[in-house]
C-alpha atoms as a PDB file:
ATOM      1  CA  UNK A   1      35.459 -60.537 -28.062  1.00  0.00           C
ATOM      2  CA  UNK A   2      33.604 -57.705 -29.740  1.00  0.00           C
ATOM      3  CA  UNK A   3      33.067 -54.596 -27.611  1.00  0.00           C
ATOM      4  CA  UNK A   4      29.501 -53.596 -26.976  1.00  0.00           C
ATOM      5  CA  UNK A   5      28.817 -49.980 -27.838  1.00  0.00           C
ATOM      6  CA  UNK A   6      26.477 -48.197 -25.501  1.00  0.00           C
ATOM      7  CA  UNK A   7      24.352 -45.733 -27.452  1.00  0.00           C
ATOM      8  CA  UNK A   8      24.966 -42.126 -26.412  1.00  0.00           C
ATOM      9  CA  UNK A   9      22.062 -40.127 -25.158  1.00  0.00           C
ATOM     10  CA  UNK A  10      21.843 -36.339 -25.304  1.00  0.00           C
ATOM     11  CA  UNK A  11      21.980 -34.630 -21.918  1.00  0.00           C
ATOM     12  CA  UNK A  12      18.872 -32.586 -21.236  1.00  0.00           C
ATOM     13  CA  UNK A  13      18.949 -29.851 -18.597  1.00  0.00           C
ATOM     14  CA  UNK A  14      15.686 -28.694 -17.068  1.00  0.00           C
ATOM     15  CA  UNK A  15      15.843 -24.882 -17.160  1.00  0.00           C
ATOM     16  CA  UNK A  16      12.445 -24.378 -15.542  1.00  0.00           C
ATOM     17  CA  UNK A  17      13.792 -23.697 -12.046  1.00  0.00           C
ATOM     18  CA  UNK A  18      16.436 -21.264 -13.349  1.00  0.00           C
ATOM     19  CA  UNK A  19      13.848 -19.386 -15.409  1.00  0.00           C
ATOM     20  CA  UNK A  20      11.612 -19.118 -12.338  1.00  0.00           C
ATOM     21  CA  UNK A  21      14.467 -17.651 -10.277  1.00  0.00           C
ATOM     22  CA  UNK A  22      15.372 -15.181 -13.033  1.00  0.00           C
ATOM     23  CA  UNK A  23      11.728 -14.095 -13.346  1.00  0.00           C
ATOM     24  CA  UNK A  24      11.403 -13.623  -9.577  1.00  0.00           C
ATOM     25  CA  UNK A  25      14.578 -11.518  -9.466  1.00  0.00           C
ATOM     26  CA  UNK A  26      13.376  -9.395 -12.380  1.00  0.00           C
ATOM     27  CA  UNK A  27      10.016  -8.848 -10.676  1.00  0.00           C
ATOM     28  CA  UNK A  28      11.746  -7.890  -7.423  1.00  0.00           C
ATOM     29  CA  UNK A  29      13.974  -5.292  -9.107  1.00  0.00           C
ATOM     30  CA  UNK A  30      11.041  -3.803 -11.038  1.00  0.00           C
ATOM     31  CA  UNK A  31       8.894  -3.525  -7.910  1.00  0.00           C
ATOM     32  CA  UNK A  32      11.631  -2.010  -5.732  1.00  0.00           C
ATOM     33  CA  UNK A  33      13.237   0.295  -8.301  1.00  0.00           C
ATOM     34  CA  UNK A  34      12.634   3.998  -7.777  1.00  0.00           C
ATOM     35  CA  UNK A  35      12.026   6.077 -10.881  1.00  0.00           C
ATOM     36  CA  UNK A  36      14.341   9.055 -11.132  1.00  0.00           C
ATOM     37  CA  UNK A  37      12.272  12.198 -10.802  1.00  0.00           C
ATOM     38  CA  UNK A  38      12.745  15.043 -13.248  1.00  0.00           C
ATOM     39  CA  UNK A  39      14.102  18.313 -11.946  1.00  0.00           C
ATOM     40  CA  UNK A  40      11.543  21.161 -12.156  1.00  0.00           C
ATOM     41  CA  UNK A  41      14.191  23.259 -13.937  1.00  0.00           C
ATOM     42  CA  UNK A  42      17.539  22.220 -15.459  1.00  0.00           C
ATOM     43  CA  UNK A  43      19.999  21.961 -12.551  1.00  0.00           C
ATOM     44  CA  UNK A  44      23.703  21.316 -13.001  1.00  0.00           C
ATOM     45  CA  UNK A  45      24.598  20.178  -9.484  1.00  0.00           C
ATOM     46  CA  UNK A  46      28.216  20.418  -8.263  1.00  0.00           C
ATOM     47  CA  UNK A  47      30.376  17.310  -8.029  1.00  0.00           C
ATOM     48  CA  UNK A  48      31.367  15.499  -4.847  1.00  0.00           C
ATOM     49  CA  UNK A  49      33.324  12.392  -3.846  1.00  0.00           C
ATOM     50  CA  UNK A  50      31.008  11.584  -0.915  1.00  0.00           C
ATOM     51  CA  UNK A  51      28.231   9.041  -1.434  1.00  0.00           C
ATOM     52  CA  UNK A  52      25.107   8.794   0.674  1.00  0.00           C
ATOM     53  CA  UNK A  53      21.780   7.445  -0.623  1.00  0.00           C
ATOM     54  CA  UNK A  54      18.771   9.736  -0.704  1.00  0.00           C
ATOM     55  CA  UNK A  55      16.076   8.562   1.773  1.00  0.00           C
ATOM     56  CA  UNK A  56      12.739   7.422   0.353  1.00  0.00           C
ATOM     57  CA  UNK A  57      10.630   8.812   3.210  1.00  0.00           C
ATOM     58  CA  UNK A  58      10.602  11.749   5.643  1.00  0.00           C
ATOM     59  CA  UNK A  59      12.807  13.719   3.263  1.00  0.00           C
ATOM     60  CA  UNK A  60      12.338  17.054   1.508  1.00  0.00           C
ATOM     61  CA  UNK A  61      14.302  18.719  -1.262  1.00  0.00           C
ATOM     62  CA  UNK A  62      14.532  22.432  -1.992  1.00  0.00           C
ATOM     63  CA  UNK A  63      15.589  22.753  -5.623  1.00  0.00           C
ATOM     64  CA  UNK A  64      17.053  26.058  -6.753  1.00  0.00           C
ATOM     65  CA  UNK A  65      17.590  27.028 -10.373  1.00  0.00           C
ATOM     66  CA  UNK A  66      16.895  29.895 -12.783  1.00  0.00           C
ATOM     67  CA  UNK A  67      16.430  32.203  -9.765  1.00  0.00           C
ATOM     68  CA  UNK A  68      13.466  30.072  -8.607  1.00  0.00           C
ATOM     69  CA  UNK A  69      12.845  27.814  -5.606  1.00  0.00           C
ATOM     70  CA  UNK A  70      10.898  24.527  -5.684  1.00  0.00           C
ATOM     71  CA  UNK A  71       9.872  22.245  -2.842  1.00  0.00           C
ATOM     72  CA  UNK A  72       9.472  18.484  -3.009  1.00  0.00           C
ATOM     73  CA  UNK A  73       8.658  15.805  -0.428  1.00  0.00           C
ATOM     74  CA  UNK A  74       9.161  12.042  -0.327  1.00  0.00           C
ATOM     75  CA  UNK A  75       6.200  10.030   0.900  1.00  0.00           C
ATOM     76  CA  UNK A  76       2.568   9.923  -0.230  1.00  0.00           C
ATOM     77  CA  UNK A  77       1.122  10.407   3.262  1.00  0.00           C
ATOM     78  CA  UNK A  78       3.506  13.286   3.967  1.00  0.00           C
ATOM     79  CA  UNK A  79       2.429  15.123   0.813  1.00  0.00           C
ATOM     80  CA  UNK A  80      -1.265  14.727   1.637  1.00  0.00           C
ATOM     81  CA  UNK A  81      -0.882  15.818   5.244  1.00  0.00           C
ATOM     82  CA  UNK A  82       1.297  18.810   4.367  1.00  0.00           C
ATOM     83  CA  UNK A  83      -1.176  20.013   1.730  1.00  0.00           C
ATOM     84  CA  UNK A  84      -4.053  19.637   4.207  1.00  0.00           C
ATOM     85  CA  UNK A  85      -2.180  21.733   6.771  1.00  0.00           C
ATOM     86  CA  UNK A  86      -1.304  24.356   4.164  1.00  0.00           C
ATOM     87  CA  UNK A  87      -4.988  24.514   3.244  1.00  0.00           C
ATOM     88  CA  UNK A  88      -5.899  25.166   6.869  1.00  0.00           C
ATOM     89  CA  UNK A  89      -3.268  27.891   7.013  1.00  0.00           C
ATOM     90  CA  UNK A  90      -4.543  29.608   3.857  1.00  0.00           C
ATOM     91  CA  UNK A  91      -8.254  28.971   4.579  1.00  0.00           C
ATOM     92  CA  UNK A  92      -8.939  26.568   1.722  1.00  0.00           C
ATOM     93  CA  UNK A  93      -9.878  22.900   1.494  1.00  0.00           C
ATOM     94  CA  UNK A  94      -8.988  20.076  -0.857  1.00  0.00           C
ATOM     95  CA  UNK A  95     -11.137  17.196  -2.059  1.00  0.00           C
ATOM     96  CA  UNK A  96      -9.974  13.593  -1.613  1.00  0.00           C
ATOM     97  CA  UNK A  97      -9.301  13.486  -5.373  1.00  0.00           C
ATOM     98  CA  UNK A  98      -7.127  16.613  -5.161  1.00  0.00           C
ATOM     99  CA  UNK A  99      -5.175  15.121  -2.244  1.00  0.00           C
ATOM    100  CA  UNK A 100      -4.612  11.911  -4.197  1.00  0.00           C
ATOM    101  CA  UNK A 101      -3.484  13.826  -7.280  1.00  0.00           C
ATOM    102  CA  UNK A 102      -1.177  16.001  -5.194  1.00  0.00           C
ATOM    103  CA  UNK A 103       0.380  12.907  -3.579  1.00  0.00           C
ATOM    104  CA  UNK A 104       1.906  12.014  -6.972  1.00  0.00           C
ATOM    105  CA  UNK A 105       3.477  15.459  -7.524  1.00  0.00           C
ATOM    106  CA  UNK A 106       7.170  15.306  -6.678  1.00  0.00           C
ATOM    107  CA  UNK A 107       7.893  19.037  -6.715  1.00  0.00           C
ATOM    108  CA  UNK A 108       5.892  22.223  -6.133  1.00  0.00           C
ATOM    109  CA  UNK A 109       6.875  25.402  -7.924  1.00  0.00           C
ATOM    110  CA  UNK A 110       3.817  27.644  -7.992  1.00  0.00           C
ATOM    111  CA  UNK A 111       2.345  30.203  -5.559  1.00  0.00           C
ATOM    112  CA  UNK A 112      -0.272  28.707  -3.276  1.00  0.00           C
ATOM    113  CA  UNK A 113      -3.082  30.683  -4.936  1.00  0.00           C
ATOM    114  CA  UNK A 114      -2.401  28.609  -8.095  1.00  0.00           C
ATOM    115  CA  UNK A 115      -2.212  25.219  -6.371  1.00  0.00           C
ATOM    116  CA  UNK A 116      -5.812  24.120  -7.156  1.00  0.00           C
ATOM    117  CA  UNK A 117      -5.304  24.965 -10.824  1.00  0.00           C
ATOM    118  CA  UNK A 118      -1.949  23.181 -10.922  1.00  0.00           C
ATOM    119  CA  UNK A 119      -3.272  19.995  -9.267  1.00  0.00           C
ATOM    120  CA  UNK A 120      -6.121  19.801 -11.800  1.00  0.00           C
ATOM    121  CA  UNK A 121      -3.687  19.621 -14.744  1.00  0.00           C
ATOM    122  CA  UNK A 122      -2.595  16.343 -16.287  1.00  0.00           C
ATOM    123  CA  UNK A 123       0.968  15.152 -15.622  1.00  0.00           C
ATOM    124  CA  UNK A 124       2.060  16.289 -19.088  1.00  0.00           C
ATOM    125  CA  UNK A 125       0.468  19.709 -18.685  1.00  0.00           C
ATOM    126  CA  UNK A 126       2.096  20.110 -15.271  1.00  0.00           C
ATOM    127  CA  UNK A 127       5.497  19.618 -16.917  1.00  0.00           C
ATOM    128  CA  UNK A 128       4.676  22.276 -19.535  1.00  0.00           C
ATOM    129  CA  UNK A 129       3.246  24.701 -16.975  1.00  0.00           C
ATOM    130  CA  UNK A 130       5.247  27.904 -16.569  1.00  0.00           C
ATOM    131  CA  UNK A 131       6.243  27.549 -12.925  1.00  0.00           C
ATOM    132  CA  UNK A 132       7.356  30.847 -11.369  1.00  0.00           C
ATOM    133  CA  UNK A 133       8.721  29.080  -8.283  1.00  0.00           C
ATOM    134  CA  UNK A 134       7.465  29.276  -4.703  1.00  0.00           C
ATOM    135  CA  UNK A 135       7.561  32.860  -3.353  1.00  0.00           C
ATOM    136  CA  UNK A 136      10.313  33.111  -0.753  1.00  0.00           C
ATOM    137  CA  UNK A 137       9.891  36.763   0.232  1.00  0.00           C
ATOM    138  CA  UNK A 138       9.208  37.746   3.829  1.00  0.00           C
ATOM    139  CA  UNK A 139       5.757  39.105   2.946  1.00  0.00           C
ATOM    140  CA  UNK A 140       4.101  35.902   1.703  1.00  0.00           C
ATOM    141  CA  UNK A 141       6.423  33.491   3.548  1.00  0.00           C
ATOM    142  CA  UNK A 142       5.205  30.663   1.302  1.00  0.00           C
ATOM    143  CA  UNK A 143       8.435  28.661   1.091  1.00  0.00           C
ATOM    144  CA  UNK A 144       8.858  29.136   4.843  1.00  0.00           C
ATOM    145  CA  UNK A 145       5.329  27.807   5.381  1.00  0.00           C
ATOM    146  CA  UNK A 146       5.765  24.774   3.105  1.00  0.00           C
ATOM    147  CA  UNK A 147       8.897  23.761   4.996  1.00  0.00           C
ATOM    148  CA  UNK A 148       7.359  24.364   8.426  1.00  0.00           C
ATOM    149  CA  UNK A 149       4.150  22.449   7.662  1.00  0.00           C
ATOM    150  CA  UNK A 150       6.102  19.538   6.146  1.00  0.00           C
ATOM    151  CA  UNK A 151       8.238  19.360   9.275  1.00  0.00           C
ATOM    152  CA  UNK A 152       5.165  19.389  11.521  1.00  0.00           C
ATOM    153  CA  UNK A 153       3.467  16.724   9.372  1.00  0.00           C
ATOM    154  CA  UNK A 154       6.515  14.445   9.528  1.00  0.00           C
ATOM    155  CA  UNK A 155       6.565  14.551  13.323  1.00  0.00           C
ATOM    156  CA  UNK A 156       2.792  14.007  13.511  1.00  0.00           C
ATOM    157  CA  UNK A 157       2.814  11.066  11.098  1.00  0.00           C
ATOM    158  CA  UNK A 158       6.068   9.275  11.881  1.00  0.00           C
ATOM    159  CA  UNK A 159       7.432  10.884  15.048  1.00  0.00           C
ATOM    160  CA  UNK A 160      10.744  11.720  13.354  1.00  0.00           C
ATOM    161  CA  UNK A 161      12.356  14.925  12.155  1.00  0.00           C
ATOM    162  CA  UNK A 162      12.136  15.803   8.479  1.00  0.00           C
ATOM    163  CA  UNK A 163      15.494  15.623   6.715  1.00  0.00           C
ATOM    164  CA  UNK A 164      16.065  18.480   4.284  1.00  0.00           C
ATOM    165  CA  UNK A 165      18.437  18.848   1.345  1.00  0.00           C
ATOM    166  CA  UNK A 166      19.190  21.729  -1.011  1.00  0.00           C
ATOM    167  CA  UNK A 167      19.697  20.912  -4.668  1.00  0.00           C
ATOM    168  CA  UNK A 168      21.193  23.950  -6.347  1.00  0.00           C
ATOM    169  CA  UNK A 169      22.697  24.673  -9.720  1.00  0.00           C
ATOM    170  CA  UNK A 170      26.478  25.009  -9.519  1.00  0.00           C
ATOM    171  CA  UNK A 171      26.198  28.241 -11.528  1.00  0.00           C
ATOM    172  CA  UNK A 172      23.289  29.668  -9.508  1.00  0.00           C
ATOM    173  CA  UNK A 173      23.812  33.105  -8.037  1.00  0.00           C
ATOM    174  CA  UNK A 174      24.572  33.021  -4.328  1.00  0.00           C
ATOM    175  CA  UNK A 175      21.715  35.331  -3.146  1.00  0.00           C
ATOM    176  CA  UNK A 176      19.079  32.709  -4.039  1.00  0.00           C
ATOM    177  CA  UNK A 177      20.857  29.987  -2.061  1.00  0.00           C
ATOM    178  CA  UNK A 178      21.379  32.490   0.751  1.00  0.00           C
ATOM    179  CA  UNK A 179      17.617  33.178   0.859  1.00  0.00           C
ATOM    180  CA  UNK A 180      16.870  29.449   1.189  1.00  0.00           C
ATOM    181  CA  UNK A 181      19.460  28.931   3.935  1.00  0.00           C
ATOM    182  CA  UNK A 182      18.097  32.004   5.734  1.00  0.00           C
ATOM    183  CA  UNK A 183      14.576  30.534   5.660  1.00  0.00           C
ATOM    184  CA  UNK A 184      15.878  27.273   7.145  1.00  0.00           C
ATOM    185  CA  UNK A 185      17.780  29.103   9.861  1.00  0.00           C
ATOM    186  CA  UNK A 186      14.659  31.050  10.829  1.00  0.00           C
ATOM    187  CA  UNK A 187      13.178  27.663  11.724  1.00  0.00           C
ATOM    188  CA  UNK A 188      16.391  26.723  13.546  1.00  0.00           C
ATOM    189  CA  UNK A 189      17.205  24.133  10.880  1.00  0.00           C
ATOM    190  CA  UNK A 190      20.977  24.375  10.846  1.00  0.00           C
ATOM    191  CA  UNK A 191      21.627  20.814   9.686  1.00  0.00           C
ATOM    192  CA  UNK A 192      20.791  20.019   6.067  1.00  0.00           C
ATOM    193  CA  UNK A 193      22.323  18.225   3.101  1.00  0.00           C
ATOM    194  CA  UNK A 194      23.562  19.452  -0.267  1.00  0.00           C
ATOM    195  CA  UNK A 195      22.729  17.220  -3.224  1.00  0.00           C
ATOM    196  CA  UNK A 196      25.717  16.748  -5.510  1.00  0.00           C
ATOM    197  CA  UNK A 197      26.797  14.616  -8.447  1.00  0.00           C
ATOM    198  CA  UNK A 198      28.957  11.639  -7.538  1.00  0.00           C
ATOM    199  CA  UNK A 199      31.672  11.748 -10.205  1.00  0.00           C
ATOM    200  CA  UNK A 200      29.897  10.902 -13.421  1.00  0.00           C
ATOM    201  CA  UNK A 201      27.145   8.878 -11.749  1.00  0.00           C
ATOM    202  CA  UNK A 202      24.048   9.525  -9.656  1.00  0.00           C
ATOM    203  CA  UNK A 203      23.334  12.098  -7.029  1.00  0.00           C
ATOM    204  CA  UNK A 204      23.951  11.886  -3.344  1.00  0.00           C
ATOM    205  CA  UNK A 205      23.329  14.237  -0.453  1.00  0.00           C
ATOM    206  CA  UNK A 206      26.431  15.749   1.022  1.00  0.00           C
ATOM    207  CA  UNK A 207      26.216  16.865   4.641  1.00  0.00           C
END
């Protein structure tokens, strides 16, 4: 008896569901990814074998490089509140637009009497701006005041203590780092992190 041949049909796989999952995952990673912020000055941080992620809120970084000190805060509401308090301290006010613009600035490196001018610049012009660093002398006390007001704002907004890290160039002269640590100790902040390079990868605070 002759054998009946069943015609072969091509197997079709519906990829719609897989494409949907891939698109959702891609969207999730894009929305949750944090853009790496540029350092205000080139900083070659020391290496460390300890890994600890940098918090996204209630965290401040004091960057030290080229004999200058810069101050940055994580959190839009923290930046706005700290600037408002600094304005009250130095008898100046900021418009809602200035507060919104300041909330996108990741690092401050100018004397407070230049802050209005600096906020008004575009993002590109802010990068090109010749930043002299925040004065850290005992006369103006500006770096001291930025740290103190940020700490007060963190407690007022979130009822937690502000975590602070120092990000210093591995070749930076010790007196500059000593000044920063001295300012922290004046506020009885004896616990802070040091931001280091993890091998050849990213950065992590080292306690």
